[in-house]
């Protein structure tokens, strides 16, 4: 992770999300993802509390979800997502399952227990790499 490129950090509650970025409470402008971030950050969900690292141009290089939304927490527990969430297409589902399987294999090597939050973080990084 290129943390040396981060010049500004901010923390806040995500109020809006689109395909390129998101807004946080208290800021009028959009925080757009840097196309140069390696690995590319995964967009947070609306209502996540995040800590964001910005580069000198103001683009998002790093996103750390501090307090996941209820929807994400329910997904972590295996609960059914609300009907308003769009189900990904079959190819996306297959790709995500492959990333989850790989993340489990990586994290459980040596018989270690796997933390669900860490599992989803690693799977998200793998998916971002696959989708680059």
Protein backbone atom coordinates (compact mmCIF):
# COMPACT_ATOMS: atom_id res chain seq x y z
CA UNK A 1 0.00 0.00 0.00
CA UNK A 2 1.41 3.37 -0.98
CA UNK A 3 0.74 5.27 2.24
CA UNK A 4 3.59 7.63 1.36
CA UNK A 5 1.27 9.17 -1.27
CA UNK A 6 -1.36 10.06 1.35
CA UNK A 7 -1.24 13.71 2.33
CA UNK A 8 -4.60 14.10 4.11
CA UNK A 9 -6.73 11.86 6.31
CA UNK A 10 -10.34 12.41 7.21
CA UNK A 11 -13.03 10.48 9.00
CA UNK A 12 -16.77 10.61 8.61
CA UNK A 13 -20.12 8.97 7.99
CA UNK A 14 -20.85 8.06 4.36
CA UNK A 15 -24.00 9.84 3.17
CA UNK A 16 -24.01 9.02 -0.57
CA UNK A 17 -22.26 6.51 -2.85
CA UNK A 18 -22.06 6.25 -6.64
CA UNK A 19 -19.86 4.22 -8.99
CA UNK A 20 -16.85 6.56 -8.69
CA UNK A 21 -16.89 7.88 -5.16
CA UNK A 22 -18.86 8.91 -2.12
CA UNK A 23 -19.76 11.81 0.16
CA UNK A 24 -19.19 12.05 3.88
CA UNK A 25 -21.20 14.00 6.40
CA UNK A 26 -20.02 17.58 6.76
CA UNK A 27 -18.39 17.82 3.30
CA UNK A 28 -20.22 19.13 0.25
CA UNK A 29 -17.81 17.66 -2.32
CA UNK A 30 -17.54 14.10 -3.56
CA UNK A 31 -14.54 11.97 -2.59
CA UNK A 32 -13.55 10.19 -5.80
CA UNK A 33 -11.36 7.10 -5.97
CA UNK A 34 -7.86 7.51 -7.35
CA UNK A 35 -7.28 5.52 -10.50
CA UNK A 36 -3.64 5.23 -9.44
CA UNK A 37 -4.32 3.57 -6.07
CA UNK A 38 -2.72 0.13 -5.81
CA UNK A 39 -4.63 -1.81 -4.69
CA UNK A 40 -7.73 0.16 -5.62
CA UNK A 41 -9.98 0.83 -2.63
CA UNK A 42 -13.43 -0.74 -2.43
CA UNK A 43 -16.28 1.78 -2.15
CA UNK A 44 -17.91 1.87 1.28
CA UNK A 45 -21.65 1.43 1.84
CA UNK A 46 -23.94 4.31 2.70
CA UNK A 47 -23.95 4.85 6.49
CA UNK A 48 -20.48 3.30 6.99
CA UNK A 49 -18.11 5.27 9.21
CA UNK A 50 -14.83 5.49 7.34
CA UNK A 51 -11.29 6.82 7.64
CA UNK A 52 -10.04 7.98 4.24
CA UNK A 53 -6.53 8.70 2.99
CA UNK A 54 -6.35 11.30 0.21
CA UNK A 55 -3.47 12.06 -2.13
CA UNK A 56 -2.25 15.60 -2.84
CA UNK A 57 -4.85 15.99 -5.63
CA UNK A 58 -7.67 15.06 -3.21
CA UNK A 59 -8.38 11.60 -4.62
CA UNK A 60 -9.07 8.64 -2.33
CA UNK A 61 -6.14 6.23 -2.07
CA UNK A 62 -7.20 4.25 1.04
CA UNK A 63 -10.54 3.56 2.75
CA UNK A 64 -10.81 1.92 6.17
CA UNK A 65 -14.35 1.05 7.27
CA UNK A 66 -14.50 1.75 11.00
CA UNK A 67 -18.12 0.89 11.71
CA UNK A 68 -19.95 -1.08 9.01
CA UNK A 69 -23.60 -0.47 8.20
CA UNK A 70 -26.26 -2.77 9.54
CA UNK A 71 -26.66 -4.25 6.05
CA UNK A 72 -22.96 -5.18 5.90
CA UNK A 73 -23.01 -6.49 9.47
CA UNK A 74 -26.04 -8.65 8.64
CA UNK A 75 -24.25 -9.95 5.55
CA UNK A 76 -21.28 -10.85 7.75
CA UNK A 77 -23.62 -12.89 9.95
CA UNK A 78 -25.30 -14.59 7.03
CA UNK A 79 -28.59 -12.69 7.42
CA UNK A 80 -30.68 -11.99 4.36
CA UNK A 81 -30.03 -8.57 2.81
CA UNK A 82 -32.95 -6.13 2.47
CA UNK A 83 -34.97 -6.39 -0.76
CA UNK A 84 -33.77 -2.95 -1.93
CA UNK A 85 -30.24 -4.25 -2.52
CA UNK A 86 -29.68 -5.40 -6.09
CA UNK A 87 -28.41 -8.96 -6.45
CA UNK A 88 -25.15 -9.10 -8.45
CA UNK A 89 -25.12 -11.00 -11.73
CA UNK A 90 -23.99 -14.65 -11.82
CA UNK A 91 -20.45 -13.87 -13.03
CA UNK A 92 -19.94 -11.37 -10.19
CA UNK A 93 -21.27 -13.87 -7.66
CA UNK A 94 -18.89 -16.56 -8.95
CA UNK A 95 -15.93 -14.16 -8.90
CA UNK A 96 -16.75 -13.11 -5.31
CA UNK A 97 -17.09 -16.70 -4.14
CA UNK A 98 -13.69 -17.50 -5.67
CA UNK A 99 -12.20 -14.51 -3.82
CA UNK A 100 -13.83 -15.65 -0.56
CA UNK A 101 -12.49 -19.19 -1.03
CA UNK A 102 -8.99 -17.87 -1.70
CA UNK A 103 -9.17 -15.54 1.31
CA UNK A 104 -10.24 -18.44 3.56
CA UNK A 105 -7.37 -20.55 2.25
CA UNK A 106 -4.86 -17.76 2.87
CA UNK A 107 -6.12 -16.85 6.33
CA UNK A 108 -6.69 -20.38 7.62
CA UNK A 109 -3.32 -21.79 6.59
CA UNK A 110 -1.69 -23.57 9.49
CA UNK A 111 -5.07 -24.26 11.10
CA UNK A 112 -5.65 -20.69 12.24
CA UNK A 113 -9.17 -19.47 13.02
CA UNK A 114 -10.57 -17.00 10.48
CA UNK A 115 -12.09 -13.70 11.61
CA UNK A 116 -15.13 -12.79 9.46
CA UNK A 117 -14.17 -9.11 9.22
CA UNK A 118 -10.62 -9.90 8.18
CA UNK A 119 -11.93 -12.49 5.71
CA UNK A 120 -14.15 -9.92 4.00
CA UNK A 121 -11.32 -7.37 3.92
CA UNK A 122 -8.95 -9.82 2.20
CA UNK A 123 -11.68 -11.02 -0.18
CA UNK A 124 -12.41 -7.37 -1.05
CA UNK A 125 -8.74 -6.75 -1.84
CA UNK A 126 -8.65 -9.85 -4.03
CA UNK A 127 -11.83 -8.83 -5.84
CA UNK A 128 -10.46 -5.33 -6.43
CA UNK A 129 -7.31 -6.85 -7.92
CA UNK A 130 -9.34 -9.17 -10.17
CA UNK A 131 -11.53 -6.25 -11.35
CA UNK A 132 -8.61 -3.91 -12.07
